[in-house]
Structure formats: structure tokens, C-alpha cells
Amino acid sequence: MKAMPVPISAERNARSAARAMRRATLALGVILALGLAYAAIRAAFDRQWLDGLIAANHAGVDSSSPSALALLFILFAAQVSVFTVALHAVWRTFDALAEDQLLPAEAGRWLRRAGLCFAASAILTILAVPVVSLAASLHASAGQRFVSLGLGSGEVMTLFIAGVLVALGHVLSLAAEVGEDNRQIV
């Protein structure tokens, strides 16, 4: 069975969409960086704002404790780092799809990496809850210490979407291999 050629306009549309998504991913990264810079500057100069932010996101954490603040910073930095790597992988996926080759294997590899990074980010979010609650109550008297566990629909959905991205990346890589085999045969 002979493979049907892809119309030129469909290829052009796919590349155009990939370029638009590459720009959108870059814009999201810039917005994230600006938001983080704003939060860092505001936290450095407005302690009440930082205390309110910690209280809203991590109830029971003593924001005057240097060890609790250090742990929160480390966890937040890890989550932001993994999310930034995931955004870079998404950007590279669209960058590969915007090239002249119709199904680049590189796009599948980058899409799988993005999915794995998003999964790691969700797992860090899930693990942050018990770690932060333990750190918050570490200096409490006996009987007052606690560990809380939580799993929200946001984390479950992020894990699901990450799994879909990994599967799609695998399918895209396989499609690129099949396409390359077809080009070599013809």
C-alpha cells in the first residue's frame, strides 16, 4: 500500500501552528520569570505579604522559623526549576515541529521529556504537603506535631496530562521512525 502524500498547505499550516505555539510557550516562560521576579522583590521588602502568602498556601507553617522558610524556599525552587525545564522541553518540541521535516523524531523525545518533567512537578507538589507540615510542627511540643497528606484534583490532572504527553511523545517518535523507513523504501 502506497502512502498518501501530505498536501503542502497542511504541512504549512502545521508548521505555522508549531511556530505560534513556540511563541506562546516563550511568552508563558517570560510571564513566569516576571512573576517570580516580582514575588522575590516583594517578599524581600514586604514581610507581611510573604507571611500572608505562606499562611494562604501552607496553613500552620510558622513563617518566623528560619528552618521552615528555608525548607519552603528549597521546595519552591525545586518545583519552579522542574516546571521551567518542562516549559523548555515543550518549547523545543514546537521548535522541532516548526522545521522542514514533517515528523521529526526529536519532537517526540522532547515531548516525552516535557511529560516526565510535568509528572515530576506534580509529584513534588504532592510531596511538599507532608514535608512542609512536618517542618511546621517540628519545633512544637510532644503531641502537637503533625503530618498532613493531601492529593488534589489539580495534581491528579497534572499527572494524567503528563502521562498523555509521554504517550504522545512515544507515538510521535514511532511515527517518525515509520516515516523515515517509508522514505528509505521509496
C-alpha atoms as a PDB file:
ATOM      1  CA  MET A   1       0.000   0.000   0.000  1.00  0.00           C
ATOM      2  CA  LYS A   2       1.410   3.339  -1.038  1.00  0.00           C
ATOM      3  CA  ALA A   3       1.493   6.200   1.493  1.00  0.00           C
ATOM      4  CA  MET A   4      -0.669   9.192   0.656  1.00  0.00           C
ATOM      5  CA  PRO A   5       1.317  12.418   0.237  1.00  0.00           C
ATOM      6  CA  VAL A   6       0.523  15.198   2.683  1.00  0.00           C
ATOM      7  CA  PRO A   7      -0.823  18.319   0.966  1.00  0.00           C
ATOM      8  CA  ILE A   8       1.622  21.241   1.026  1.00  0.00           C
ATOM      9  CA  SER A   9      -0.929  23.563   2.622  1.00  0.00           C
ATOM     10  CA  ALA A  10      -1.443  21.108   5.515  1.00  0.00           C
ATOM     11  CA  GLU A  11       2.317  20.988   6.117  1.00  0.00           C
ATOM     12  CA  ARG A  12       2.493  24.771   6.004  1.00  0.00           C
ATOM     13  CA  ASN A  13      -0.416  25.044   8.452  1.00  0.00           C
ATOM     14  CA  ALA A  14       1.195  22.556  10.829  1.00  0.00           C
ATOM     15  CA  ARG A  15       4.489  24.457  10.794  1.00  0.00           C
ATOM     16  CA  SER A  16       2.681  27.758  11.271  1.00  0.00           C
ATOM     17  CA  ALA A  17       0.783  26.352  14.258  1.00  0.00           C
ATOM     18  CA  ALA A  18       4.025  24.981  15.722  1.00  0.00           C
ATOM     19  CA  ARG A  19       5.680  28.401  15.379  1.00  0.00           C
ATOM     20  CA  ALA A  20       2.691  30.069  17.053  1.00  0.00           C
ATOM     21  CA  MET A  21       2.796  27.564  19.920  1.00  0.00           C
ATOM     22  CA  ARG A  22       6.560  28.077  20.242  1.00  0.00           C
ATOM     23  CA  ARG A  23       5.942  31.828  20.656  1.00  0.00           C
ATOM     24  CA  ALA A  24       3.118  31.185  23.153  1.00  0.00           C
ATOM     25  CA  THR A  25       5.374  28.887  25.206  1.00  0.00           C
ATOM     26  CA  LEU A  26       8.103  31.518  25.180  1.00  0.00           C
ATOM     27  CA  ALA A  27       5.589  34.157  26.297  1.00  0.00           C
ATOM     28  CA  LEU A  28       4.453  31.879  29.141  1.00  0.00           C
ATOM     29  CA  GLY A  29       8.077  31.455  30.220  1.00  0.00           C
ATOM     30  CA  VAL A  30       8.630  35.228  30.197  1.00  0.00           C
ATOM     31  CA  ILE A  31       5.439  35.775  32.219  1.00  0.00           C
ATOM     32  CA  LEU A  32       6.598  33.125  34.710  1.00  0.00           C
ATOM     33  CA  ALA A  33      10.017  34.789  35.029  1.00  0.00           C
ATOM     34  CA  LEU A  34       8.485  38.237  35.531  1.00  0.00           C
ATOM     35  CA  GLY A  35       6.061  36.867  38.122  1.00  0.00           C
ATOM     36  CA  LEU A  36       8.869  35.165  40.010  1.00  0.00           C
ATOM     37  CA  ALA A  37      10.983  38.331  39.923  1.00  0.00           C
ATOM     38  CA  TYR A  38       8.039  40.362  41.242  1.00  0.00           C
ATOM     39  CA  ALA A  39       7.374  37.833  44.021  1.00  0.00           C
ATOM     40  CA  ALA A  40      11.049  37.732  45.023  1.00  0.00           C
ATOM     41  CA  ILE A  41      11.322  41.515  45.197  1.00  0.00           C
ATOM     42  CA  ARG A  42       8.035  41.871  47.060  1.00  0.00           C
ATOM     43  CA  ALA A  43       8.939  39.088  49.519  1.00  0.00           C
ATOM     44  CA  ALA A  44      12.311  40.733  50.188  1.00  0.00           C
ATOM     45  CA  PHE A  45      10.761  44.101  51.071  1.00  0.00           C
ATOM     46  CA  ASP A  46       7.269  43.233  52.382  1.00  0.00           C
ATOM     47  CA  ARG A  47       7.375  40.644  55.167  1.00  0.00           C
ATOM     48  CA  GLN A  48       3.617  40.854  55.800  1.00  0.00           C
ATOM     49  CA  TRP A  49       2.917  39.929  52.186  1.00  0.00           C
ATOM     50  CA  LEU A  50       5.252  36.919  52.481  1.00  0.00           C
ATOM     51  CA  ASP A  51       3.618  35.835  55.755  1.00  0.00           C
ATOM     52  CA  GLY A  52       0.180  36.117  54.159  1.00  0.00           C
ATOM     53  CA  LEU A  53       1.303  34.122  51.133  1.00  0.00           C
ATOM     54  CA  ILE A  54       2.723  31.367  53.335  1.00  0.00           C
ATOM     55  CA  ALA A  55      -0.404  31.314  55.518  1.00  0.00           C
ATOM     56  CA  ALA A  56      -2.660  31.063  52.460  1.00  0.00           C
ATOM     57  CA  ASN A  57      -0.728  28.204  50.871  1.00  0.00           C
ATOM     58  CA  HIS A  58       0.668  26.347  53.895  1.00  0.00           C
ATOM     59  CA  ALA A  59      -1.617  26.661  56.902  1.00  0.00           C
ATOM     60  CA  GLY A  60       0.142  26.068  60.193  1.00  0.00           C
ATOM     61  CA  VAL A  61       3.642  26.938  58.991  1.00  0.00           C
ATOM     62  CA  ASP A  62       5.466  29.268  61.343  1.00  0.00           C
ATOM     63  CA  SER A  63       6.836  31.861  58.940  1.00  0.00           C
ATOM     64  CA  SER A  64       9.141  33.247  61.624  1.00  0.00           C
ATOM     65  CA  SER A  65      11.078  29.973  61.741  1.00  0.00           C
ATOM     66  CA  PRO A  66      14.219  30.201  59.583  1.00  0.00           C
ATOM     67  CA  SER A  67      14.262  26.431  59.021  1.00  0.00           C
ATOM     68  CA  ALA A  68      10.629  26.412  57.832  1.00  0.00           C
ATOM     69  CA  LEU A  69      11.321  29.339  55.487  1.00  0.00           C
ATOM     70  CA  ALA A  70      14.440  27.636  54.128  1.00  0.00           C
ATOM     71  CA  LEU A  71      12.517  24.413  53.511  1.00  0.00           C
ATOM     72  CA  LEU A  72       9.708  26.279  51.769  1.00  0.00           C
ATOM     73  CA  PHE A  73      12.238  28.090  49.593  1.00  0.00           C
ATOM     74  CA  ILE A  74      14.027  24.846  48.652  1.00  0.00           C
ATOM     75  CA  LEU A  75      10.753  23.096  47.773  1.00  0.00           C
ATOM     76  CA  PHE A  76       9.512  26.089  45.783  1.00  0.00           C
ATOM     77  CA  ALA A  77      12.830  26.395  43.934  1.00  0.00           C
ATOM     78  CA  ALA A  78      12.739  22.689  43.053  1.00  0.00           C
ATOM     79  CA  GLN A  79       9.183  22.948  41.732  1.00  0.00           C
ATOM     80  CA  VAL A  80       9.936  26.067  39.699  1.00  0.00           C
ATOM     81  CA  SER A  81      13.119  24.509  38.304  1.00  0.00           C
ATOM     82  CA  VAL A  82      11.346  21.346  37.163  1.00  0.00           C
ATOM     83  CA  PHE A  83       8.474  23.370  35.690  1.00  0.00           C
ATOM     84  CA  THR A  84      10.949  25.605  33.844  1.00  0.00           C
ATOM     85  CA  VAL A  85      12.690  22.565  32.362  1.00  0.00           C
ATOM     86  CA  ALA A  86       9.264  21.236  31.308  1.00  0.00           C
ATOM     87  CA  LEU A  87       8.441  24.534  29.582  1.00  0.00           C
ATOM     88  CA  HIS A  88      11.798  24.410  27.798  1.00  0.00           C
ATOM     89  CA  ALA A  89      11.031  20.870  26.613  1.00  0.00           C
ATOM     90  CA  VAL A  90       7.636  21.999  25.303  1.00  0.00           C
ATOM     91  CA  TRP A  91       9.314  24.918  23.526  1.00  0.00           C
ATOM     92  CA  ARG A  92      11.873  22.542  21.959  1.00  0.00           C
ATOM     93  CA  THR A  93       9.033  20.226  20.874  1.00  0.00           C
ATOM     94  CA  PHE A  94       7.347  23.023  18.957  1.00  0.00           C
ATOM     95  CA  ASP A  95      10.732  24.189  17.654  1.00  0.00           C
ATOM     96  CA  ALA A  96      11.337  20.739  16.170  1.00  0.00           C
ATOM     97  CA  LEU A  97       7.822  20.610  14.710  1.00  0.00           C
ATOM     98  CA  ALA A  98       8.334  24.004  13.034  1.00  0.00           C
ATOM     99  CA  GLU A  99      11.272  22.664  10.987  1.00  0.00           C
ATOM    100  CA  ASP A 100      11.044  21.462   7.399  1.00  0.00           C
ATOM    101  CA  GLN A 101      10.798  17.780   8.308  1.00  0.00           C
ATOM    102  CA  LEU A 102       7.172  16.648   8.705  1.00  0.00           C
ATOM    103  CA  LEU A 103       7.629  14.257  11.665  1.00  0.00           C
ATOM    104  CA  PRO A 104      10.925  14.878  13.432  1.00  0.00           C
ATOM    105  CA  ALA A 105      11.921  12.205  15.962  1.00  0.00           C
ATOM    106  CA  GLU A 106      13.420  14.983  18.070  1.00  0.00           C
ATOM    107  CA  ALA A 107       9.923  16.373  18.740  1.00  0.00           C
ATOM    108  CA  GLY A 108       8.830  13.044  20.226  1.00  0.00           C
ATOM    109  CA  ARG A 109      11.865  12.924  22.505  1.00  0.00           C
ATOM    110  CA  TRP A 110      11.283  16.467  23.738  1.00  0.00           C
ATOM    111  CA  LEU A 111       7.564  15.814  24.262  1.00  0.00           C
ATOM    112  CA  ARG A 112       8.351  12.760  26.394  1.00  0.00           C
ATOM    113  CA  ARG A 113      10.793  14.831  28.451  1.00  0.00           C
ATOM    114  CA  ALA A 114       8.145  17.504  28.943  1.00  0.00           C
ATOM    115  CA  GLY A 115       5.676  14.897  30.163  1.00  0.00           C
ATOM    116  CA  LEU A 116       8.208  13.433  32.593  1.00  0.00           C
ATOM    117  CA  CYS A 117       9.065  16.905  33.915  1.00  0.00           C
ATOM    118  CA  PHE A 118       5.394  17.795  34.413  1.00  0.00           C
ATOM    119  CA  ALA A 119       4.938  14.479  36.262  1.00  0.00           C
ATOM    120  CA  ALA A 120       7.951  15.277  38.454  1.00  0.00           C
ATOM    121  CA  SER A 121       6.500  18.722  39.177  1.00  0.00           C
ATOM    122  CA  ALA A 122       3.189  17.181  40.244  1.00  0.00           C
ATOM    123  CA  ILE A 123       4.977  14.643  42.440  1.00  0.00           C
ATOM    124  CA  LEU A 124       6.992  17.439  44.085  1.00  0.00           C
ATOM    125  CA  THR A 125       3.741  19.286  44.785  1.00  0.00           C
ATOM    126  CA  ILE A 126       2.222  16.169  46.354  1.00  0.00           C
ATOM    127  CA  LEU A 127       5.329  15.508  48.472  1.00  0.00           C
ATOM    128  CA  ALA A 128       5.601  19.134  49.568  1.00  0.00           C
ATOM    129  CA  VAL A 129       2.450  18.915  51.706  1.00  0.00           C
ATOM    130  CA  PRO A 130       3.704  16.317  54.240  1.00  0.00           C
ATOM    131  CA  VAL A 131       7.244  17.709  54.264  1.00  0.00           C
ATOM    132  CA  VAL A 132       6.088  21.269  54.951  1.00  0.00           C
ATOM    133  CA  SER A 133       3.569  20.171  57.590  1.00  0.00           C
ATOM    134  CA  LEU A 134       6.240  18.154  59.371  1.00  0.00           C
ATOM    135  CA  ALA A 135       8.651  21.080  59.256  1.00  0.00           C
ATOM    136  CA  ALA A 136       5.941  23.411  60.524  1.00  0.00           C
ATOM    137  CA  SER A 137       5.314  21.308  63.600  1.00  0.00           C
ATOM    138  CA  LEU A 138       8.858  20.075  64.202  1.00  0.00           C
ATOM    139  CA  HIS A 139       9.511  22.572  66.985  1.00  0.00           C
ATOM    140  CA  ALA A 140       6.111  22.003  68.620  1.00  0.00           C
ATOM    141  CA  SER A 141       5.802  20.156  71.895  1.00  0.00           C
ATOM    142  CA  ALA A 142       5.166  16.418  72.018  1.00  0.00           C
ATOM    143  CA  GLY A 143       1.620  15.600  70.964  1.00  0.00           C
ATOM    144  CA  GLN A 144       1.380  18.784  68.872  1.00  0.00           C
ATOM    145  CA  ARG A 145       3.442  17.574  65.928  1.00  0.00           C
ATOM    146  CA  PHE A 146       1.597  16.565  62.796  1.00  0.00           C
ATOM    147  CA  VAL A 147       1.997  15.395  59.243  1.00  0.00           C
ATOM    148  CA  SER A 148      -0.724  16.172  56.764  1.00  0.00           C
ATOM    149  CA  LEU A 149      -1.296  14.431  53.494  1.00  0.00           C
ATOM    150  CA  GLY A 150      -3.187  15.796  50.570  1.00  0.00           C
ATOM    151  CA  LEU A 151      -3.904  14.971  46.974  1.00  0.00           C
ATOM    152  CA  GLY A 152      -5.967  17.419  44.996  1.00  0.00           C
ATOM    153  CA  SER A 153      -7.650  17.154  41.659  1.00  0.00           C
ATOM    154  CA  GLY A 154      -5.053  19.547  40.218  1.00  0.00           C
ATOM    155  CA  GLU A 155      -2.213  17.152  40.971  1.00  0.00           C
ATOM    156  CA  VAL A 156      -4.166  14.170  39.641  1.00  0.00           C
ATOM    157  CA  MET A 157      -4.991  16.053  36.438  1.00  0.00           C
ATOM    158  CA  THR A 158      -1.360  17.144  36.026  1.00  0.00           C
ATOM    159  CA  LEU A 159      -0.219  13.530  36.388  1.00  0.00           C
ATOM    160  CA  PHE A 160      -2.823  12.420  33.843  1.00  0.00           C
ATOM    161  CA  ILE A 161      -1.812  15.095  31.330  1.00  0.00           C
ATOM    162  CA  ALA A 162       1.857  14.273  31.899  1.00  0.00           C
ATOM    163  CA  GLY A 163       1.098  10.640  31.082  1.00  0.00           C
ATOM    164  CA  VAL A 164      -0.702  11.713  27.910  1.00  0.00           C
ATOM    165  CA  LEU A 165       2.306  13.825  26.882  1.00  0.00           C
ATOM    166  CA  VAL A 166       4.679  10.905  27.435  1.00  0.00           C
ATOM    167  CA  ALA A 167       2.427   8.597  25.398  1.00  0.00           C
ATOM    168  CA  LEU A 168       2.052  11.163  22.596  1.00  0.00           C
ATOM    169  CA  GLY A 169       5.803  11.696  22.542  1.00  0.00           C
ATOM    170  CA  HIS A 170       6.302   7.962  22.181  1.00  0.00           C
ATOM    171  CA  VAL A 171       3.745   7.783  19.361  1.00  0.00           C
ATOM    172  CA  LEU A 172       5.366  10.764  17.626  1.00  0.00           C
ATOM    173  CA  SER A 173       8.780   9.091  17.829  1.00  0.00           C
ATOM    174  CA  LEU A 174       7.387   5.857  16.406  1.00  0.00           C
ATOM    175  CA  ALA A 175       5.633   7.760  13.612  1.00  0.00           C
ATOM    176  CA  ALA A 176       8.922   9.494  12.773  1.00  0.00           C
ATOM    177  CA  GLU A 177      10.678   6.119  12.577  1.00  0.00           C
ATOM    178  CA  VAL A 178       7.967   4.700  10.310  1.00  0.00           C
ATOM    179  CA  GLY A 179       8.102   7.830   8.146  1.00  0.00           C
ATOM    180  CA  GLU A 180      11.869   7.529   7.824  1.00  0.00           C
ATOM    181  CA  ASP A 181      11.549   3.848   6.878  1.00  0.00           C
ATOM    182  CA  ASN A 182       8.975   4.768   4.218  1.00  0.00           C
ATOM    183  CA  ARG A 183      11.248   7.482   2.786  1.00  0.00           C
ATOM    184  CA  GLN A 184      14.128   4.999   2.539  1.00  0.00           C
ATOM    185  CA  ILE A 185      11.963   2.392   0.787  1.00  0.00           C
ATOM    186  CA  VAL A 186      10.518   4.850  -1.743  1.00  0.00           C
END
